[in-house]
């Protein structure tokens, strides 16, 4: 994937995914603290979103939650501590 000029933080999740549920409070906190909004894509029940995730994931993660920073092409697979999540989100 080419880097975007405009930074976008993407979250790919599954509605019933327990790891995604674990990350929800961290996402809410991050959005509140940094005054940002992650673009959220449900992939278990939406084929179009699943295809979009495949374009960004390229086999690196293969599951959800999957987070992607378009400015850096860095990604997070699964649940992580808040400090790691925040550092990823702040990367330029």
PDB file of N, CA and C in Angstrom:
ATOM      1  N   UNK A   1       0.836  -1.188   0.000  1.00  0.00           N
ATOM      2  CA  UNK A   1       0.000   0.000   0.000  1.00  0.00           C
ATOM      3  C   UNK A   1       0.878   1.248   0.000  1.00  0.00           C
ATOM      4  N   UNK A   2       0.499   2.222  -0.809  1.00  0.00           N
ATOM      5  CA  UNK A   2       1.191   3.506  -0.787  1.00  0.00           C
ATOM      6  C   UNK A   2       0.712   4.301   0.409  1.00  0.00           C
ATOM      7  N   UNK A   3       1.603   5.132   0.927  1.00  0.00           N
ATOM      8  CA  UNK A   3       1.223   5.987   2.039  1.00  0.00           C
ATOM      9  C   UNK A   3       0.243   7.043   1.553  1.00  0.00           C
ATOM     10  N   UNK A   4      -0.729   7.359   2.400  1.00  0.00           N
ATOM     11  CA  UNK A   4      -1.684   8.424   2.107  1.00  0.00           C
ATOM     12  C   UNK A   4      -1.088   9.758   2.532  1.00  0.00           C
ATOM     13  N   UNK A   5      -1.407  10.810   1.789  1.00  0.00           N
ATOM     14  CA  UNK A   5      -1.012  12.149   2.215  1.00  0.00           C
ATOM     15  C   UNK A   5      -1.786  12.548   3.460  1.00  0.00           C
ATOM     16  N   UNK A   6      -3.041  12.133   3.520  1.00  0.00           N
ATOM     17  CA  UNK A   6      -3.873  12.432   4.681  1.00  0.00           C
ATOM     18  C   UNK A   6      -3.876  11.207   5.586  1.00  0.00           C
ATOM     19  N   UNK A   7      -3.497  11.400   6.828  1.00  0.00           N
ATOM     20  CA  UNK A   7      -3.442  10.297   7.778  1.00  0.00           C
ATOM     21  C   UNK A   7      -4.846   9.804   8.100  1.00  0.00           C
ATOM     22  N   UNK A   8      -5.022   8.501   7.981  1.00  0.00           N
ATOM     23  CA  UNK A   8      -6.268   7.849   8.355  1.00  0.00           C
ATOM     24  C   UNK A   8      -5.927   6.657   9.233  1.00  0.00           C
ATOM     25  N   UNK A   9      -6.671   6.490  10.300  1.00  0.00           N
ATOM     26  CA  UNK A   9      -6.502   5.350  11.186  1.00  0.00           C
ATOM     27  C   UNK A   9      -7.707   4.438  10.980  1.00  0.00           C
ATOM     28  N   UNK A  10      -7.430   3.219  10.552  1.00  0.00           N
ATOM     29  CA  UNK A  10      -8.489   2.282  10.191  1.00  0.00           C
ATOM     30  C   UNK A  10      -8.580   1.160  11.216  1.00  0.00           C
ATOM     31  N   UNK A  11      -9.800   0.793  11.558  1.00  0.00           N
ATOM     32  CA  UNK A  11     -10.041  -0.357  12.422  1.00  0.00           C
ATOM     33  C   UNK A  11     -10.908  -1.347  11.660  1.00  0.00           C
ATOM     34  N   UNK A  12     -10.443  -2.574  11.571  1.00  0.00           N
ATOM     35  CA  UNK A  12     -11.222  -3.658  10.991  1.00  0.00           C
ATOM     36  C   UNK A  12     -11.564  -4.614  12.136  1.00  0.00           C
ATOM     37  N   UNK A  13     -12.845  -4.922  12.274  1.00  0.00           N
ATOM     38  CA  UNK A  13     -13.294  -5.710  13.422  1.00  0.00           C
ATOM     39  C   UNK A  13     -14.421  -6.654  13.018  1.00  0.00           C
ATOM     40  N   UNK A  14     -14.687  -7.595  13.904  1.00  0.00           N
ATOM     41  CA  UNK A  14     -15.834  -8.484  13.761  1.00  0.00           C
ATOM     42  C   UNK A  14     -16.793  -8.237  14.912  1.00  0.00           C
ATOM     43  N   UNK A  15     -18.076  -8.189  14.615  1.00  0.00           N
ATOM     44  CA  UNK A  15     -19.074  -7.857  15.628  1.00  0.00           C
ATOM     45  C   UNK A  15     -18.975  -8.751  16.863  1.00  0.00           C
ATOM     46  N   UNK A  16     -18.818 -10.050  16.665  1.00  0.00           N
ATOM     47  CA  UNK A  16     -18.790 -10.985  17.793  1.00  0.00           C
ATOM     48  C   UNK A  16     -17.373 -11.286  18.284  1.00  0.00           C
ATOM     49  N   UNK A  17     -16.384 -10.600  17.790  1.00  0.00           N
ATOM     50  CA  UNK A  17     -14.979 -10.874  18.114  1.00  0.00           C
ATOM     51  C   UNK A  17     -14.651 -10.448  19.553  1.00  0.00           C
ATOM     52  N   UNK A  18     -14.234 -11.390  20.417  1.00  0.00           N
ATOM     53  CA  UNK A  18     -13.931 -11.030  21.805  1.00  0.00           C
ATOM     54  C   UNK A  18     -12.726 -10.094  21.928  1.00  0.00           C
ATOM     55  N   UNK A  19     -11.743 -10.245  21.058  1.00  0.00           N
ATOM     56  CA  UNK A  19     -10.572  -9.364  21.109  1.00  0.00           C
ATOM     57  C   UNK A  19     -10.944  -7.945  20.691  1.00  0.00           C
ATOM     58  N   UNK A  20     -11.883  -7.835  19.768  1.00  0.00           N
ATOM     59  CA  UNK A  20     -12.368  -6.516  19.334  1.00  0.00           C
ATOM     60  C   UNK A  20     -13.108  -5.830  20.477  1.00  0.00           C
ATOM     61  N   UNK A  21     -13.892  -6.609  21.210  1.00  0.00           N
ATOM     62  CA  UNK A  21     -14.618  -6.067  22.362  1.00  0.00           C
ATOM     63  C   UNK A  21     -13.626  -5.569  23.408  1.00  0.00           C
ATOM     64  N   UNK A  22     -12.529  -6.295  23.598  1.00  0.00           N
ATOM     65  CA  UNK A  22     -11.489  -5.887  24.544  1.00  0.00           C
ATOM     66  C   UNK A  22     -10.880  -4.545  24.154  1.00  0.00           C
ATOM     67  N   UNK A  23     -10.728  -4.298  22.863  1.00  0.00           N
ATOM     68  CA  UNK A  23     -10.103  -3.055  22.392  1.00  0.00           C
ATOM     69  C   UNK A  23     -11.059  -1.866  22.397  1.00  0.00           C
ATOM     70  N   UNK A  24     -12.362  -2.096  22.460  1.00  0.00           N
ATOM     71  CA  UNK A  24     -13.348  -1.008  22.360  1.00  0.00           C
ATOM     72  C   UNK A  24     -13.108   0.114  23.371  1.00  0.00           C
ATOM     73  N   UNK A  25     -12.895  -0.163  24.670  1.00  0.00           N
ATOM     74  CA  UNK A  25     -12.643   0.935  25.613  1.00  0.00           C
ATOM     75  C   UNK A  25     -11.358   1.707  25.287  1.00  0.00           C
ATOM     76  N   UNK A  26     -10.348   1.015  24.758  1.00  0.00           N
ATOM     77  CA  UNK A  26      -9.104   1.683  24.381  1.00  0.00           C
ATOM     78  C   UNK A  26      -9.318   2.584  23.174  1.00  0.00           C
ATOM     79  N   UNK A  27     -10.131   2.131  22.226  1.00  0.00           N
ATOM     80  CA  UNK A  27     -10.459   2.948  21.052  1.00  0.00           C
ATOM     81  C   UNK A  27     -11.208   4.201  21.496  1.00  0.00           C
ATOM     82  N   UNK A  28     -12.200   4.014  22.366  1.00  0.00           N
ATOM     83  CA  UNK A  28     -12.969   5.158  22.868  1.00  0.00           C
ATOM     84  C   UNK A  28     -12.052   6.160  23.571  1.00  0.00           C
ATOM     85  N   UNK A  29     -11.157   5.668  24.413  1.00  0.00           N
ATOM     86  CA  UNK A  29     -10.217   6.535  25.135  1.00  0.00           C
ATOM     87  C   UNK A  29      -9.298   7.269  24.169  1.00  0.00           C
ATOM     88  N   UNK A  30      -8.765   6.557  23.190  1.00  0.00           N
ATOM     89  CA  UNK A  30      -7.866   7.156  22.206  1.00  0.00           C
ATOM     90  C   UNK A  30      -8.572   8.267  21.433  1.00  0.00           C
ATOM     91  N   UNK A  31      -9.771   7.986  20.968  1.00  0.00           N
ATOM     92  CA  UNK A  31     -10.523   8.988  20.209  1.00  0.00           C
ATOM     93  C   UNK A  31     -10.796  10.224  21.069  1.00  0.00           C
ATOM     94  N   UNK A  32     -11.101  10.009  22.323  1.00  0.00           N
ATOM     95  CA  UNK A  32     -11.380  11.112  23.244  1.00  0.00           C
ATOM     96  C   UNK A  32     -10.113  11.920  23.536  1.00  0.00           C
ATOM     97  N   UNK A  33      -9.027  11.238  23.892  1.00  0.00           N
ATOM     98  CA  UNK A  33      -7.784  11.915  24.286  1.00  0.00           C
ATOM     99  C   UNK A  33      -7.122  12.655  23.126  1.00  0.00           C
ATOM    100  N   UNK A  34      -7.149  12.066  21.938  1.00  0.00           N
ATOM    101  CA  UNK A  34      -6.468  12.670  20.789  1.00  0.00           C
ATOM    102  C   UNK A  34      -7.421  13.465  19.894  1.00  0.00           C
ATOM    103  N   UNK A  35      -8.696  13.462  20.248  1.00  0.00           N
ATOM    104  CA  UNK A  35      -9.712  14.170  19.465  1.00  0.00           C
ATOM    105  C   UNK A  35      -9.685  13.723  17.995  1.00  0.00           C
ATOM    106  N   UNK A  36      -9.719  12.408  17.815  1.00  0.00           N
ATOM    107  CA  UNK A  36      -9.690  11.804  16.480  1.00  0.00           C
ATOM    108  C   UNK A  36     -10.840  10.807  16.363  1.00  0.00           C
ATOM    109  N   UNK A  37     -11.066  10.323  15.171  1.00  0.00           N
ATOM    110  CA  UNK A  37     -12.047   9.269  14.944  1.00  0.00           C
ATOM    111  C   UNK A  37     -11.427   8.216  14.034  1.00  0.00           C
ATOM    112  N   UNK A  38     -11.396   6.986  14.506  1.00  0.00           N
ATOM    113  CA  UNK A  38     -10.939   5.889  13.655  1.00  0.00           C
ATOM    114  C   UNK A  38     -12.039   5.549  12.656  1.00  0.00           C
ATOM    115  N   UNK A  39     -11.638   5.196  11.449  1.00  0.00           N
ATOM    116  CA  UNK A  39     -12.592   4.695  10.460  1.00  0.00           C
ATOM    117  C   UNK A  39     -12.809   3.221  10.769  1.00  0.00           C
ATOM    118  N   UNK A  40     -14.046   2.851  11.037  1.00  0.00           N
ATOM    119  CA  UNK A  40     -14.354   1.497  11.490  1.00  0.00           C
ATOM    120  C   UNK A  40     -15.050   0.695  10.390  1.00  0.00           C
ATOM    121  N   UNK A  41     -14.554  -0.523  10.186  1.00  0.00           N
ATOM    122  CA  UNK A  41     -15.086  -1.404   9.146  1.00  0.00           C
ATOM    123  C   UNK A  41     -15.365  -2.787   9.735  1.00  0.00           C
ATOM    124  N   UNK A  42     -16.628  -3.187   9.778  1.00  0.00           N
ATOM    125  CA  UNK A  42     -17.009  -4.510  10.240  1.00  0.00           C
ATOM    126  C   UNK A  42     -16.785  -5.487   9.086  1.00  0.00           C
ATOM    127  N   UNK A  43     -16.013  -6.551   9.322  1.00  0.00           N
ATOM    128  CA  UNK A  43     -15.613  -7.440   8.226  1.00  0.00           C
ATOM    129  C   UNK A  43     -16.233  -8.839   8.277  1.00  0.00           C
ATOM    130  N   UNK A  44     -16.820  -9.234   9.366  1.00  0.00           N
ATOM    131  CA  UNK A  44     -17.386 -10.580   9.454  1.00  0.00           C
ATOM    132  C   UNK A  44     -18.726 -10.690   8.737  1.00  0.00           C
ATOM    133  N   UNK A  45     -19.440  -9.574   8.634  1.00  0.00           N
ATOM    134  CA  UNK A  45     -20.769  -9.590   8.021  1.00  0.00           C
ATOM    135  C   UNK A  45     -20.860  -8.653   6.824  1.00  0.00           C
ATOM    136  N   UNK A  46     -19.723  -8.177   6.351  1.00  0.00           N
ATOM    137  CA  UNK A  46     -19.720  -7.234   5.234  1.00  0.00           C
ATOM    138  C   UNK A  46     -18.576  -7.608   4.284  1.00  0.00           C
ATOM    139  N   UNK A  47     -18.921  -8.209   3.159  1.00  0.00           N
ATOM    140  CA  UNK A  47     -17.910  -8.694   2.210  1.00  0.00           C
ATOM    141  C   UNK A  47     -17.064  -7.566   1.629  1.00  0.00           C
ATOM    142  N   UNK A  48     -17.680  -6.433   1.378  1.00  0.00           N
ATOM    143  CA  UNK A  48     -16.936  -5.293   0.824  1.00  0.00           C
ATOM    144  C   UNK A  48     -15.861  -4.820   1.804  1.00  0.00           C
ATOM    145  N   UNK A  49     -16.214  -4.743   3.085  1.00  0.00           N
ATOM    146  CA  UNK A  49     -15.237  -4.350   4.100  1.00  0.00           C
ATOM    147  C   UNK A  49     -14.150  -5.410   4.257  1.00  0.00           C
ATOM    148  N   UNK A  50     -14.527  -6.677   4.136  1.00  0.00           N
ATOM    149  CA  UNK A  50     -13.542  -7.763   4.234  1.00  0.00           C
ATOM    150  C   UNK A  50     -12.524  -7.661   3.097  1.00  0.00           C
ATOM    151  N   UNK A  51     -12.989  -7.329   1.908  1.00  0.00           N
ATOM    152  CA  UNK A  51     -12.074  -7.161   0.772  1.00  0.00           C
ATOM    153  C   UNK A  51     -11.153  -5.964   0.986  1.00  0.00           C
ATOM    154  N   UNK A  52     -11.697  -4.900   1.559  1.00  0.00           N
ATOM    155  CA  UNK A  52     -10.874  -3.731   1.861  1.00  0.00           C
ATOM    156  C   UNK A  52      -9.785  -4.092   2.866  1.00  0.00           C
ATOM    157  N   UNK A  53     -10.142  -4.861   3.882  1.00  0.00           N
ATOM    158  CA  UNK A  53      -9.150  -5.289   4.869  1.00  0.00           C
ATOM    159  C   UNK A  53      -8.040  -6.098   4.209  1.00  0.00           C
ATOM    160  N   UNK A  54      -8.395  -6.978   3.289  1.00  0.00           N
ATOM    161  CA  UNK A  54      -7.391  -7.789   2.593  1.00  0.00           C
ATOM    162  C   UNK A  54      -6.380  -6.915   1.862  1.00  0.00           C
ATOM    163  N   UNK A  55      -6.837  -5.795   1.312  1.00  0.00           N
ATOM    164  CA  UNK A  55      -5.938  -4.882   0.598  1.00  0.00           C
ATOM    165  C   UNK A  55      -4.905  -4.274   1.539  1.00  0.00           C
ATOM    166  N   UNK A  56      -5.320  -3.958   2.753  1.00  0.00           N
ATOM    167  CA  UNK A  56      -4.396  -3.364   3.725  1.00  0.00           C
ATOM    168  C   UNK A  56      -3.591  -4.430   4.458  1.00  0.00           C
ATOM    169  N   UNK A  57      -4.216  -5.541   4.775  1.00  0.00           N
ATOM    170  CA  UNK A  57      -3.580  -6.595   5.564  1.00  0.00           C
ATOM    171  C   UNK A  57      -2.507  -7.349   4.783  1.00  0.00           C
ATOM    172  N   UNK A  58      -2.789  -7.692   3.541  1.00  0.00           N
ATOM    173  CA  UNK A  58      -1.844  -8.410   2.679  1.00  0.00           C
ATOM    174  C   UNK A  58      -1.240  -9.644   3.364  1.00  0.00           C
ATOM    175  N   UNK A  59      -2.047 -10.317   4.189  1.00  0.00           N
ATOM    176  CA  UNK A  59      -1.600 -11.548   4.826  1.00  0.00           C
ATOM    177  C   UNK A  59      -0.775 -11.368   6.084  1.00  0.00           C
ATOM    178  N   UNK A  60      -0.544 -10.143   6.518  1.00  0.00           N
ATOM    179  CA  UNK A  60       0.277  -9.912   7.711  1.00  0.00           C
ATOM    180  C   UNK A  60      -0.433 -10.356   8.985  1.00  0.00           C
ATOM    181  N   UNK A  61      -1.695 -10.046   9.088  1.00  0.00           N
ATOM    182  CA  UNK A  61      -2.437 -10.300  10.318  1.00  0.00           C
ATOM    183  C   UNK A  61      -3.409 -11.465  10.135  1.00  0.00           C
ATOM    184  N   UNK A  62      -4.270 -11.351   9.156  1.00  0.00           N
ATOM    185  CA  UNK A  62      -5.203 -12.421   8.850  1.00  0.00           C
ATOM    186  C   UNK A  62      -6.388 -12.542   9.787  1.00  0.00           C
ATOM    187  N   UNK A  63      -6.531 -11.613  10.706  1.00  0.00           N
ATOM    188  CA  UNK A  63      -7.653 -11.667  11.635  1.00  0.00           C
ATOM    189  C   UNK A  63      -7.971 -10.296  12.182  1.00  0.00           C
ATOM    190  N   UNK A  64      -8.913 -10.278  13.102  1.00  0.00           N
ATOM    191  CA  UNK A  64      -9.334  -9.020  13.716  1.00  0.00           C
ATOM    192  C   UNK A  64      -9.166  -9.099  15.230  1.00  0.00           C
ATOM    193  N   UNK A  65      -9.007  -7.956  15.873  1.00  0.00           N
ATOM    194  CA  UNK A  65      -8.978  -6.626  15.283  1.00  0.00           C
ATOM    195  C   UNK A  65      -7.679  -6.380  14.522  1.00  0.00           C
ATOM    196  N   UNK A  66      -7.807  -5.579  13.494  1.00  0.00           N
ATOM    197  CA  UNK A  66      -6.673  -5.175  12.669  1.00  0.00           C
ATOM    198  C   UNK A  66      -6.752  -3.661  12.515  1.00  0.00           C
ATOM    199  N   UNK A  67      -5.674  -2.980  12.883  1.00  0.00           N
ATOM    200  CA  UNK A  67      -5.618  -1.520  12.821  1.00  0.00           C
ATOM    201  C   UNK A  67      -4.531  -1.118  11.834  1.00  0.00           C
ATOM    202  N   UNK A  68      -4.821  -0.098  11.027  1.00  0.00           N
ATOM    203  CA  UNK A  68      -3.878   0.319   9.989  1.00  0.00           C
ATOM    204  C   UNK A  68      -3.760   1.833   9.974  1.00  0.00           C
ATOM    205  N   UNK A  69      -2.520   2.331   9.979  1.00  0.00           N
ATOM    206  CA  UNK A  69      -2.218   3.763   9.901  1.00  0.00           C
ATOM    207  C   UNK A  69      -1.770   4.048   8.470  1.00  0.00           C
ATOM    208  N   UNK A  70      -2.578   4.790   7.711  1.00  0.00           N
ATOM    209  CA  UNK A  70      -2.274   5.009   6.295  1.00  0.00           C
ATOM    210  C   UNK A  70      -1.095   5.949   6.083  1.00  0.00           C
ATOM    211  N   UNK A  71      -0.746   6.751   7.077  1.00  0.00           N
ATOM    212  CA  UNK A  71       0.381   7.679   6.933  1.00  0.00           C
ATOM    213  C   UNK A  71       1.717   6.951   7.030  1.00  0.00           C
ATOM    214  N   UNK A  72       1.755   5.865   7.806  1.00  0.00           N
ATOM    215  CA  UNK A  72       3.016   5.166   8.048  1.00  0.00           C
ATOM    216  C   UNK A  72       3.039   3.749   7.477  1.00  0.00           C
ATOM    217  N   UNK A  73       1.879   3.235   7.095  1.00  0.00           N
ATOM    218  CA  UNK A  73       1.719   1.836   6.681  1.00  0.00           C
ATOM    219  C   UNK A  73       1.999   0.863   7.821  1.00  0.00           C
ATOM    220  N   UNK A  74       1.992   1.346   9.050  1.00  0.00           N
ATOM    221  CA  UNK A  74       2.168   0.476  10.207  1.00  0.00           C
ATOM    222  C   UNK A  74       0.812  -0.064  10.640  1.00  0.00           C
ATOM    223  N   UNK A  75       0.841  -1.254  11.198  1.00  0.00           N
ATOM    224  CA  UNK A  75      -0.403  -1.903  11.584  1.00  0.00           C
ATOM    225  C   UNK A  75      -0.266  -2.567  12.943  1.00  0.00           C
ATOM    226  N   UNK A  76      -1.405  -2.867  13.529  1.00  0.00           N
ATOM    227  CA  UNK A  76      -1.484  -3.608  14.790  1.00  0.00           C
ATOM    228  C   UNK A  76      -2.425  -4.780  14.564  1.00  0.00           C
ATOM    229  N   UNK A  77      -1.994  -5.949  15.018  1.00  0.00           N
ATOM    230  CA  UNK A  77      -2.827  -7.151  14.977  1.00  0.00           C
ATOM    231  C   UNK A  77      -3.250  -7.496  16.401  1.00  0.00           C
ATOM    232  N   UNK A  78      -4.529  -7.695  16.589  1.00  0.00           N
ATOM    233  CA  UNK A  78      -5.005  -8.139  17.892  1.00  0.00           C
ATOM    234  C   UNK A  78      -5.068  -7.029  18.918  1.00  0.00           C
ATOM    235  N   UNK A  79      -5.227  -7.433  20.167  1.00  0.00           N
ATOM    236  CA  UNK A  79      -5.323  -6.459  21.252  1.00  0.00           C
ATOM    237  C   UNK A  79      -3.925  -6.155  21.788  1.00  0.00           C
ATOM    238  N   UNK A  80      -3.719  -4.891  22.132  1.00  0.00           N
ATOM    239  CA  UNK A  80      -2.422  -4.417  22.627  1.00  0.00           C
ATOM    240  C   UNK A  80      -2.661  -3.465  23.798  1.00  0.00           C
ATOM    241  N   UNK A  81      -1.627  -3.195  24.606  1.00  0.00           N
ATOM    242  CA  UNK A  81      -1.771  -2.221  25.689  1.00  0.00           C
ATOM    243  C   UNK A  81      -2.034  -0.816  25.128  1.00  0.00           C
ATOM    244  N   UNK A  82      -2.700   0.003  25.927  1.00  0.00           N
ATOM    245  CA  UNK A  82      -3.083   1.338  25.477  1.00  0.00           C
ATOM    246  C   UNK A  82      -1.881   2.163  25.031  1.00  0.00           C
ATOM    247  N   UNK A  83      -0.769   2.111  25.743  1.00  0.00           N
ATOM    248  CA  UNK A  83       0.403   2.924  25.410  1.00  0.00           C
ATOM    249  C   UNK A  83       0.913   2.597  24.008  1.00  0.00           C
ATOM    250  N   UNK A  84       0.925   1.331  23.666  1.00  0.00           N
ATOM    251  CA  UNK A  84       1.352   0.890  22.331  1.00  0.00           C
ATOM    252  C   UNK A  84       0.368   1.384  21.265  1.00  0.00           C
ATOM    253  N   UNK A  85      -0.909   1.269  21.572  1.00  0.00           N
ATOM    254  CA  UNK A  85      -1.970   1.693  20.660  1.00  0.00           C
ATOM    255  C   UNK A  85      -1.887   3.201  20.401  1.00  0.00           C
ATOM    256  N   UNK A  86      -1.685   3.972  21.451  1.00  0.00           N
ATOM    257  CA  UNK A  86      -1.593   5.430  21.326  1.00  0.00           C
ATOM    258  C   UNK A  86      -0.357   5.833  20.522  1.00  0.00           C
ATOM    259  N   UNK A  87       0.775   5.191  20.787  1.00  0.00           N
ATOM    260  CA  UNK A  87       2.010   5.499  20.046  1.00  0.00           C
ATOM    261  C   UNK A  87       1.815   5.225  18.555  1.00  0.00           C
ATOM    262  N   UNK A  88       1.161   4.128  18.220  1.00  0.00           N
ATOM    263  CA  UNK A  88       0.869   3.800  16.818  1.00  0.00           C
ATOM    264  C   UNK A  88       0.004   4.883  16.185  1.00  0.00           C
ATOM    265  N   UNK A  89      -1.008   5.323  16.905  1.00  0.00           N
ATOM    266  CA  UNK A  89      -1.938   6.329  16.379  1.00  0.00           C
ATOM    267  C   UNK A  89      -1.268   7.683  16.174  1.00  0.00           C
ATOM    268  N   UNK A  90      -0.261   7.990  16.967  1.00  0.00           N
ATOM    269  CA  UNK A  90       0.392   9.300  16.891  1.00  0.00           C
ATOM    270  C   UNK A  90       1.502   9.350  15.844  1.00  0.00           C
ATOM    271  N   UNK A  91       1.887   8.195  15.300  1.00  0.00           N
ATOM    272  CA  UNK A  91       2.940   8.171  14.278  1.00  0.00           C
ATOM    273  C   UNK A  91       2.520   8.980  13.061  1.00  0.00           C
ATOM    274  N   UNK A  92       3.478   9.670  12.482  1.00  0.00           N
ATOM    275  CA  UNK A  92       3.199  10.483  11.280  1.00  0.00           C
ATOM    276  C   UNK A  92       3.828   9.846  10.067  1.00  0.00           C
TER     277      UNK A  92
END
